[in-house]
C-alpha atoms as a PDB file:
ATOM      1  CA  UNK A   1    -293.697 -19.426  74.908  1.00  0.00           C
ATOM      2  CA  UNK A   2    -290.430 -17.797  76.018  1.00  0.00           C
ATOM      3  CA  UNK A   3    -288.583 -21.126  75.567  1.00  0.00           C
ATOM      4  CA  UNK A   4    -289.945 -21.365  72.017  1.00  0.00           C
ATOM      5  CA  UNK A   5    -288.742 -17.821  71.207  1.00  0.00           C
ATOM      6  CA  UNK A   6    -285.266 -18.527  72.588  1.00  0.00           C
ATOM      7  CA  UNK A   7    -285.081 -21.733  70.560  1.00  0.00           C
ATOM      8  CA  UNK A   8    -286.031 -19.914  67.345  1.00  0.00           C
ATOM      9  CA  UNK A   9    -283.463 -17.204  68.048  1.00  0.00           C
ATOM     10  CA  UNK A  10    -280.737 -19.798  68.667  1.00  0.00           C
ATOM     11  CA  UNK A  11    -281.610 -21.553  65.419  1.00  0.00           C
ATOM     12  CA  UNK A  12    -281.491 -18.244  63.520  1.00  0.00           C
ATOM     13  CA  UNK A  13    -278.104 -17.357  65.009  1.00  0.00           C
ATOM     14  CA  UNK A  14    -276.741 -20.818  64.135  1.00  0.00           C
ATOM     15  CA  UNK A  15    -277.891 -20.539  60.501  1.00  0.00           C
ATOM     16  CA  UNK A  16    -276.359 -17.072  60.142  1.00  0.00           C
ATOM     17  CA  UNK A  17    -273.090 -18.237  61.682  1.00  0.00           C
ATOM     18  CA  UNK A  18    -272.761 -21.152  59.235  1.00  0.00           C
ATOM     19  CA  UNK A  19    -273.466 -18.982  56.184  1.00  0.00           C
ATOM     20  CA  UNK A  20    -271.343 -15.903  56.945  1.00  0.00           C
ATOM     21  CA  UNK A  21    -267.746 -14.955  57.590  1.00  0.00           C
ATOM     22  CA  UNK A  22    -266.760 -14.256  61.224  1.00  0.00           C
ATOM     23  CA  UNK A  23    -266.614 -10.498  60.624  1.00  0.00           C
ATOM     24  CA  UNK A  24    -270.015 -10.395  58.943  1.00  0.00           C
ATOM     25  CA  UNK A  25    -271.447 -12.666  61.629  1.00  0.00           C
ATOM     26  CA  UNK A  26    -270.255 -10.294  64.358  1.00  0.00           C
ATOM     27  CA  UNK A  27    -271.768  -7.314  62.546  1.00  0.00           C
ATOM     28  CA  UNK A  28    -275.091  -9.106  62.102  1.00  0.00           C
ATOM     29  CA  UNK A  29    -275.196 -10.187  65.733  1.00  0.00           C
ATOM     30  CA  UNK A  30    -274.562  -6.627  66.836  1.00  0.00           C
ATOM     31  CA  UNK A  31    -277.476  -5.476  64.712  1.00  0.00           C
ATOM     32  CA  UNK A  32    -279.795  -8.287  65.855  1.00  0.00           C
ATOM     33  CA  UNK A  33    -279.293  -7.664  69.562  1.00  0.00           C
ATOM     34  CA  UNK A  34    -279.838  -3.952  69.093  1.00  0.00           C
ATOM     35  CA  UNK A  35    -276.268  -2.893  69.651  1.00  0.00           C
ATOM     36  CA  UNK A  36    -274.557  -0.075  67.810  1.00  0.00           C
ATOM     37  CA  UNK A  37    -271.126   1.425  67.305  1.00  0.00           C
ATOM     38  CA  UNK A  38    -270.572   5.180  67.459  1.00  0.00           C
ATOM     39  CA  UNK A  39    -268.297   6.097  64.582  1.00  0.00           C
ATOM     40  CA  UNK A  40    -266.133   9.163  65.026  1.00  0.00           C
ATOM     41  CA  UNK A  41    -266.830  11.768  62.343  1.00  0.00           C
ATOM     42  CA  UNK A  42    -264.019  12.404  59.912  1.00  0.00           C
ATOM     43  CA  UNK A  43    -262.344  15.816  60.194  1.00  0.00           C
ATOM     44  CA  UNK A  44    -264.017  18.500  58.058  1.00  0.00           C
ATOM     45  CA  UNK A  45    -262.690  18.801  54.517  1.00  0.00           C
ATOM     46  CA  UNK A  46    -262.440  22.602  54.647  1.00  0.00           C
ATOM     47  CA  UNK A  47    -261.216  23.581  58.096  1.00  0.00           C
ATOM     48  CA  UNK A  48    -260.589  27.174  57.032  1.00  0.00           C
ATOM     49  CA  UNK A  49    -264.302  27.905  56.688  1.00  0.00           C
ATOM     50  CA  UNK A  50    -266.594  27.553  59.691  1.00  0.00           C
ATOM     51  CA  UNK A  51    -269.664  27.582  57.445  1.00  0.00           C
ATOM     52  CA  UNK A  52    -268.422  24.488  55.626  1.00  0.00           C
ATOM     53  CA  UNK A  53    -267.513  22.841  58.934  1.00  0.00           C
ATOM     54  CA  UNK A  54    -271.042  23.305  60.260  1.00  0.00           C
ATOM     55  CA  UNK A  55    -272.567  22.216  56.952  1.00  0.00           C
ATOM     56  CA  UNK A  56    -270.767  18.911  57.381  1.00  0.00           C
ATOM     57  CA  UNK A  57    -271.522  18.684  61.091  1.00  0.00           C
ATOM     58  CA  UNK A  58    -274.553  20.858  61.921  1.00  0.00           C
ATOM     59  CA  UNK A  59    -274.805  19.347  65.390  1.00  0.00           C
ATOM     60  CA  UNK A  60    -271.433  20.916  66.198  1.00  0.00           C
ATOM     61  CA  UNK A  61    -273.075  24.298  65.761  1.00  0.00           C
ATOM     62  CA  UNK A  62    -275.735  23.357  68.314  1.00  0.00           C
ATOM     63  CA  UNK A  63    -273.099  22.173  70.790  1.00  0.00           C
ATOM     64  CA  UNK A  64    -271.052  25.350  70.369  1.00  0.00           C
ATOM     65  CA  UNK A  65    -274.102  27.581  70.831  1.00  0.00           C
ATOM     66  CA  UNK A  66    -275.116  25.671  73.957  1.00  0.00           C
ATOM     67  CA  UNK A  67    -271.625  26.096  75.375  1.00  0.00           C
ATOM     68  CA  UNK A  68    -271.598  29.792  74.538  1.00  0.00           C
ATOM     69  CA  UNK A  69    -274.955  30.339  76.216  1.00  0.00           C
ATOM     70  CA  UNK A  70    -273.887  28.450  79.320  1.00  0.00           C
ATOM     71  CA  UNK A  71    -270.302  29.670  79.750  1.00  0.00           C
ATOM     72  CA  UNK A  72    -269.755  32.736  77.554  1.00  0.00           C
ATOM     73  CA  UNK A  73    -267.013  31.815  75.050  1.00  0.00           C
ATOM     74  CA  UNK A  74    -268.078  32.769  71.484  1.00  0.00           C
ATOM     75  CA  UNK A  75    -268.737  29.967  69.020  1.00  0.00           C
ATOM     76  CA  UNK A  76    -265.917  31.132  66.732  1.00  0.00           C
ATOM     77  CA  UNK A  77    -263.367  31.082  69.559  1.00  0.00           C
ATOM     78  CA  UNK A  78    -264.390  27.606  70.683  1.00  0.00           C
ATOM     79  CA  UNK A  79    -263.956  26.262  67.166  1.00  0.00           C
ATOM     80  CA  UNK A  80    -260.625  28.046  66.743  1.00  0.00           C
ATOM     81  CA  UNK A  81    -259.397  26.301  69.901  1.00  0.00           C
ATOM     82  CA  UNK A  82    -260.464  22.901  68.558  1.00  0.00           C
ATOM     83  CA  UNK A  83    -258.811  23.605  65.219  1.00  0.00           C
ATOM     84  CA  UNK A  84    -255.408  24.268  66.771  1.00  0.00           C
ATOM     85  CA  UNK A  85    -255.669  21.671  69.508  1.00  0.00           C
ATOM     86  CA  UNK A  86    -256.713  18.663  67.433  1.00  0.00           C
ATOM     87  CA  UNK A  87    -257.522  19.672  63.833  1.00  0.00           C
ATOM     88  CA  UNK A  88    -260.990  18.279  64.585  1.00  0.00           C
ATOM     89  CA  UNK A  89    -259.683  14.748  65.232  1.00  0.00           C
ATOM     90  CA  UNK A  90    -261.606  13.039  67.987  1.00  0.00           C
ATOM     91  CA  UNK A  91    -259.144  10.461  69.331  1.00  0.00           C
ATOM     92  CA  UNK A  92    -255.828  12.262  68.952  1.00  0.00           C
ATOM     93  CA  UNK A  93    -253.111  12.090  71.626  1.00  0.00           C
ATOM     94  CA  UNK A  94    -249.627  13.636  71.684  1.00  0.00           C
ATOM     95  CA  UNK A  95    -247.125  11.405  69.875  1.00  0.00           C
ATOM     96  CA  UNK A  96    -244.970   9.200  72.067  1.00  0.00           C
ATOM     97  CA  UNK A  97    -241.415  10.180  72.801  1.00  0.00           C
ATOM     98  CA  UNK A  98    -238.659   7.832  71.590  1.00  0.00           C
ATOM     99  CA  UNK A  99    -236.256   6.068  73.907  1.00  0.00           C
ATOM    100  CA  UNK A 100    -232.779   5.891  72.372  1.00  0.00           C
ATOM    101  CA  UNK A 101    -234.280   7.530  69.326  1.00  0.00           C
ATOM    102  CA  UNK A 102    -236.366   4.587  68.132  1.00  0.00           C
ATOM    103  CA  UNK A 103    -238.215   2.806  70.975  1.00  0.00           C
ATOM    104  CA  UNK A 104    -241.765   4.177  71.505  1.00  0.00           C
ATOM    105  CA  UNK A 105    -241.924   5.540  75.038  1.00  0.00           C
ATOM    106  CA  UNK A 106    -244.191   7.717  77.155  1.00  0.00           C
ATOM    107  CA  UNK A 107    -246.417  10.480  75.848  1.00  0.00           C
ATOM    108  CA  UNK A 108    -245.421  13.999  76.944  1.00  0.00           C
ATOM    109  CA  UNK A 109    -248.876  14.663  78.424  1.00  0.00           C
ATOM    110  CA  UNK A 110    -252.276  13.110  79.029  1.00  0.00           C
ATOM    111  CA  UNK A 111    -253.976  15.407  76.504  1.00  0.00           C
ATOM    112  CA  UNK A 112    -256.699  13.640  74.553  1.00  0.00           C
ATOM    113  CA  UNK A 113    -259.599  14.321  72.231  1.00  0.00           C
ATOM    114  CA  UNK A 114    -260.959  17.314  70.359  1.00  0.00           C
ATOM    115  CA  UNK A 115    -260.007  19.811  73.057  1.00  0.00           C
ATOM    116  CA  UNK A 116    -256.760  18.042  74.080  1.00  0.00           C
ATOM    117  CA  UNK A 117    -257.961  18.218  77.672  1.00  0.00           C
ATOM    118  CA  UNK A 118    -255.444  16.754  80.109  1.00  0.00           C
ATOM    119  CA  UNK A 119    -256.427  14.325  82.855  1.00  0.00           C
ATOM    120  CA  UNK A 120    -256.274  16.767  85.830  1.00  0.00           C
ATOM    121  CA  UNK A 121    -258.289  19.494  84.083  1.00  0.00           C
ATOM    122  CA  UNK A 122    -260.793  16.958  82.753  1.00  0.00           C
ATOM    123  CA  UNK A 123    -261.184  15.486  86.244  1.00  0.00           C
ATOM    124  CA  UNK A 124    -261.890  18.965  87.650  1.00  0.00           C
ATOM    125  CA  UNK A 125    -264.431  19.545  84.887  1.00  0.00           C
ATOM    126  CA  UNK A 126    -266.177  16.240  85.584  1.00  0.00           C
ATOM    127  CA  UNK A 127    -266.350  17.008  89.305  1.00  0.00           C
ATOM    128  CA  UNK A 128    -267.666  20.511  88.695  1.00  0.00           C
ATOM    129  CA  UNK A 129    -269.819  20.467  85.573  1.00  0.00           C
ATOM    130  CA  UNK A 130    -269.423  17.423  83.333  1.00  0.00           C
ATOM    131  CA  UNK A 131    -272.216  14.917  82.808  1.00  0.00           C
ATOM    132  CA  UNK A 132    -271.726  11.333  83.959  1.00  0.00           C
ATOM    133  CA  UNK A 133    -271.320  10.202  80.341  1.00  0.00           C
ATOM    134  CA  UNK A 134    -269.004  13.001  79.136  1.00  0.00           C
ATOM    135  CA  UNK A 135    -266.014  11.898  77.063  1.00  0.00           C
ATOM    136  CA  UNK A 136    -263.205  13.867  75.483  1.00  0.00           C
ATOM    137  CA  UNK A 137    -263.730  12.283  72.060  1.00  0.00           C
ATOM    138  CA  UNK A 138    -267.249  13.709  71.687  1.00  0.00           C
ATOM    139  CA  UNK A 139    -267.512  17.257  70.319  1.00  0.00           C
ATOM    140  CA  UNK A 140    -270.444  18.129  72.575  1.00  0.00           C
ATOM    141  CA  UNK A 141    -268.401  17.529  75.706  1.00  0.00           C
ATOM    142  CA  UNK A 142    -265.169  18.942  74.292  1.00  0.00           C
ATOM    143  CA  UNK A 143    -266.843  22.280  73.527  1.00  0.00           C
ATOM    144  CA  UNK A 144    -268.525  22.325  76.908  1.00  0.00           C
ATOM    145  CA  UNK A 145    -265.125  21.717  78.507  1.00  0.00           C
ATOM    146  CA  UNK A 146    -263.568  24.618  76.569  1.00  0.00           C
ATOM    147  CA  UNK A 147    -266.423  26.878  77.603  1.00  0.00           C
ATOM    148  CA  UNK A 148    -266.182  25.787  81.234  1.00  0.00           C
ATOM    149  CA  UNK A 149    -262.406  26.233  81.328  1.00  0.00           C
ATOM    150  CA  UNK A 150    -262.539  29.690  79.769  1.00  0.00           C
ATOM    151  CA  UNK A 151    -265.276  30.719  82.190  1.00  0.00           C
ATOM    152  CA  UNK A 152    -262.985  29.776  85.093  1.00  0.00           C
ATOM    153  CA  UNK A 153    -260.206  31.756  83.415  1.00  0.00           C
ATOM    154  CA  UNK A 154    -262.483  34.751  82.956  1.00  0.00           C
ATOM    155  CA  UNK A 155    -263.652  34.641  86.574  1.00  0.00           C
ATOM    156  CA  UNK A 156    -260.199  34.098  88.113  1.00  0.00           C
ATOM    157  CA  UNK A 157    -257.960  36.133  85.806  1.00  0.00           C
ATOM    158  CA  UNK A 158    -260.353  38.681  84.370  1.00  0.00           C
ATOM    159  CA  UNK A 159    -259.537  37.801  80.748  1.00  0.00           C
ATOM    160  CA  UNK A 160    -262.295  38.938  78.405  1.00  0.00           C
ATOM    161  CA  UNK A 161    -264.190  36.403  76.310  1.00  0.00           C
ATOM    162  CA  UNK A 162    -263.354  38.697  73.387  1.00  0.00           C
ATOM    163  CA  UNK A 163    -259.604  38.122  73.905  1.00  0.00           C
ATOM    164  CA  UNK A 164    -258.957  34.689  72.357  1.00  0.00           C
ATOM    165  CA  UNK A 165    -255.186  35.188  72.365  1.00  0.00           C
ATOM    166  CA  UNK A 166    -254.927  35.427  76.145  1.00  0.00           C
ATOM    167  CA  UNK A 167    -257.672  32.891  76.729  1.00  0.00           C
ATOM    168  CA  UNK A 168    -255.515  30.493  74.740  1.00  0.00           C
ATOM    169  CA  UNK A 169    -252.409  31.365  76.741  1.00  0.00           C
ATOM    170  CA  UNK A 170    -254.256  30.441  79.932  1.00  0.00           C
ATOM    171  CA  UNK A 171    -255.722  27.327  78.295  1.00  0.00           C
ATOM    172  CA  UNK A 172    -252.319  26.101  77.157  1.00  0.00           C
ATOM    173  CA  UNK A 173    -250.227  27.103  80.178  1.00  0.00           C
ATOM    174  CA  UNK A 174    -252.855  26.709  82.868  1.00  0.00           C
ATOM    175  CA  UNK A 175    -254.033  29.591  84.987  1.00  0.00           C
ATOM    176  CA  UNK A 176    -251.059  29.327  87.344  1.00  0.00           C
ATOM    177  CA  UNK A 177    -248.686  29.416  84.386  1.00  0.00           C
ATOM    178  CA  UNK A 178    -250.530  32.407  82.988  1.00  0.00           C
ATOM    179  CA  UNK A 179    -250.121  34.287  86.261  1.00  0.00           C
ATOM    180  CA  UNK A 180    -246.408  33.577  86.063  1.00  0.00           C
ATOM    181  CA  UNK A 181    -246.416  34.750  82.442  1.00  0.00           C
ATOM    182  CA  UNK A 182    -244.652  31.608  81.253  1.00  0.00           C
ATOM    183  CA  UNK A 183    -245.993  32.278  77.746  1.00  0.00           C
ATOM    184  CA  UNK A 184    -243.720  35.294  77.428  1.00  0.00           C
ATOM    185  CA  UNK A 185    -240.725  32.958  77.132  1.00  0.00           C
ATOM    186  CA  UNK A 186    -242.299  30.693  74.513  1.00  0.00           C
ATOM    187  CA  UNK A 187    -242.141  32.250  71.038  1.00  0.00           C
ATOM    188  CA  UNK A 188    -243.679  29.144  69.467  1.00  0.00           C
ATOM    189  CA  UNK A 189    -246.710  29.386  71.714  1.00  0.00           C
ATOM    190  CA  UNK A 190    -247.040  33.094  70.947  1.00  0.00           C
ATOM    191  CA  UNK A 191    -247.233  32.309  67.242  1.00  0.00           C
ATOM    192  CA  UNK A 192    -249.924  29.688  67.816  1.00  0.00           C
ATOM    193  CA  UNK A 193    -251.920  32.055  70.044  1.00  0.00           C
ATOM    194  CA  UNK A 194    -251.733  34.686  67.305  1.00  0.00           C
ATOM    195  CA  UNK A 195    -253.090  32.142  64.826  1.00  0.00           C
ATOM    196  CA  UNK A 196    -255.888  31.178  67.214  1.00  0.00           C
ATOM    197  CA  UNK A 197    -256.861  34.836  67.565  1.00  0.00           C
ATOM    198  CA  UNK A 198    -256.739  35.352  63.793  1.00  0.00           C
ATOM    199  CA  UNK A 199    -258.791  32.227  63.104  1.00  0.00           C
ATOM    200  CA  UNK A 200    -261.330  33.184  65.749  1.00  0.00           C
ATOM    201  CA  UNK A 201    -261.788  36.510  63.969  1.00  0.00           C
ATOM    202  CA  UNK A 202    -262.135  34.919  60.532  1.00  0.00           C
ATOM    203  CA  UNK A 203    -264.528  32.240  61.836  1.00  0.00           C
ATOM    204  CA  UNK A 204    -266.633  34.967  63.444  1.00  0.00           C
ATOM    205  CA  UNK A 205    -266.837  36.907  60.169  1.00  0.00           C
ATOM    206  CA  UNK A 206    -267.694  33.778  58.178  1.00  0.00           C
ATOM    207  CA  UNK A 207    -270.349  32.679  60.636  1.00  0.00           C
ATOM    208  CA  UNK A 208    -272.113  36.019  60.354  1.00  0.00           C
ATOM    209  CA  UNK A 209    -272.728  35.248  56.678  1.00  0.00           C
ATOM    210  CA  UNK A 210    -274.177  31.763  57.139  1.00  0.00           C
ATOM    211  CA  UNK A 211    -275.429  31.337  60.693  1.00  0.00           C
ATOM    212  CA  UNK A 212    -279.064  31.662  59.653  1.00  0.00           C
ATOM    213  CA  UNK A 213    -278.694  28.291  57.895  1.00  0.00           C
ATOM    214  CA  UNK A 214    -278.175  26.534  61.207  1.00  0.00           C
ATOM    215  CA  UNK A 215    -280.872  28.315  63.221  1.00  0.00           C
ATOM    216  CA  UNK A 216    -284.423  27.041  63.409  1.00  0.00           C
ATOM    217  CA  UNK A 217    -283.688  23.977  61.302  1.00  0.00           C
ATOM    218  CA  UNK A 218    -285.322  21.529  63.719  1.00  0.00           C
ATOM    219  CA  UNK A 219    -289.036  20.869  63.825  1.00  0.00           C
ATOM    220  CA  UNK A 220    -289.415  21.991  67.433  1.00  0.00           C
ATOM    221  CA  UNK A 221    -287.583  25.306  66.873  1.00  0.00           C
ATOM    222  CA  UNK A 222    -289.710  28.358  66.110  1.00  0.00           C
ATOM    223  CA  UNK A 223    -288.359  31.681  64.888  1.00  0.00           C
ATOM    224  CA  UNK A 224    -287.600  34.178  66.479  1.00  0.00           C
ATOM    225  CA  UNK A 225    -287.199  32.225  69.726  1.00  0.00           C
ATOM    226  CA  UNK A 226    -284.326  30.125  68.390  1.00  0.00           C
ATOM    227  CA  UNK A 227    -282.409  32.972  66.748  1.00  0.00           C
END
């Protein structure tokens, strides 16, 4: 019986291969064997409005809330970090430097993904809290990383979760750099940190007007226990 099934499957594959282009054949084979490809979501159209961001990607709200509950960083601050780190692009890396002005060369850092987490920090996160399947190009894990990192900052440096400006300084410079106050000599970084703080505030205000949309929307969630 099993030999007969395999023979039928081989015949079906052969017929499809003869009647389709190579690209279509590959897509059909992927579907037939039960495979799938995870497509990265496109960046939100309106990145200035957290309500519109979550309307496009409601699961991002769930991930941010889970991170907030676990680690303490407010949803609005997490999303402000992602906005200024990657503009909500999942696979972004720093652009390569140019050798002699035109030859693509090394990247200035190992930052990658939504949170622009660098290899050493990501490795520490994976050893301490990350799941075995965590990746930097998935929003769920990027937000969890931000929450985890800020919790370490809060515990070690005493920076409040309500102080996104200084949380961002420590995130960008590292906690050792923050202790050395390296950010004080970087006017460009100060401007970005100010924008992060401002966006965190505006996201927080916007979310207050629409958050109810994203609560209790799943069949297993029952108000008021999911509020």
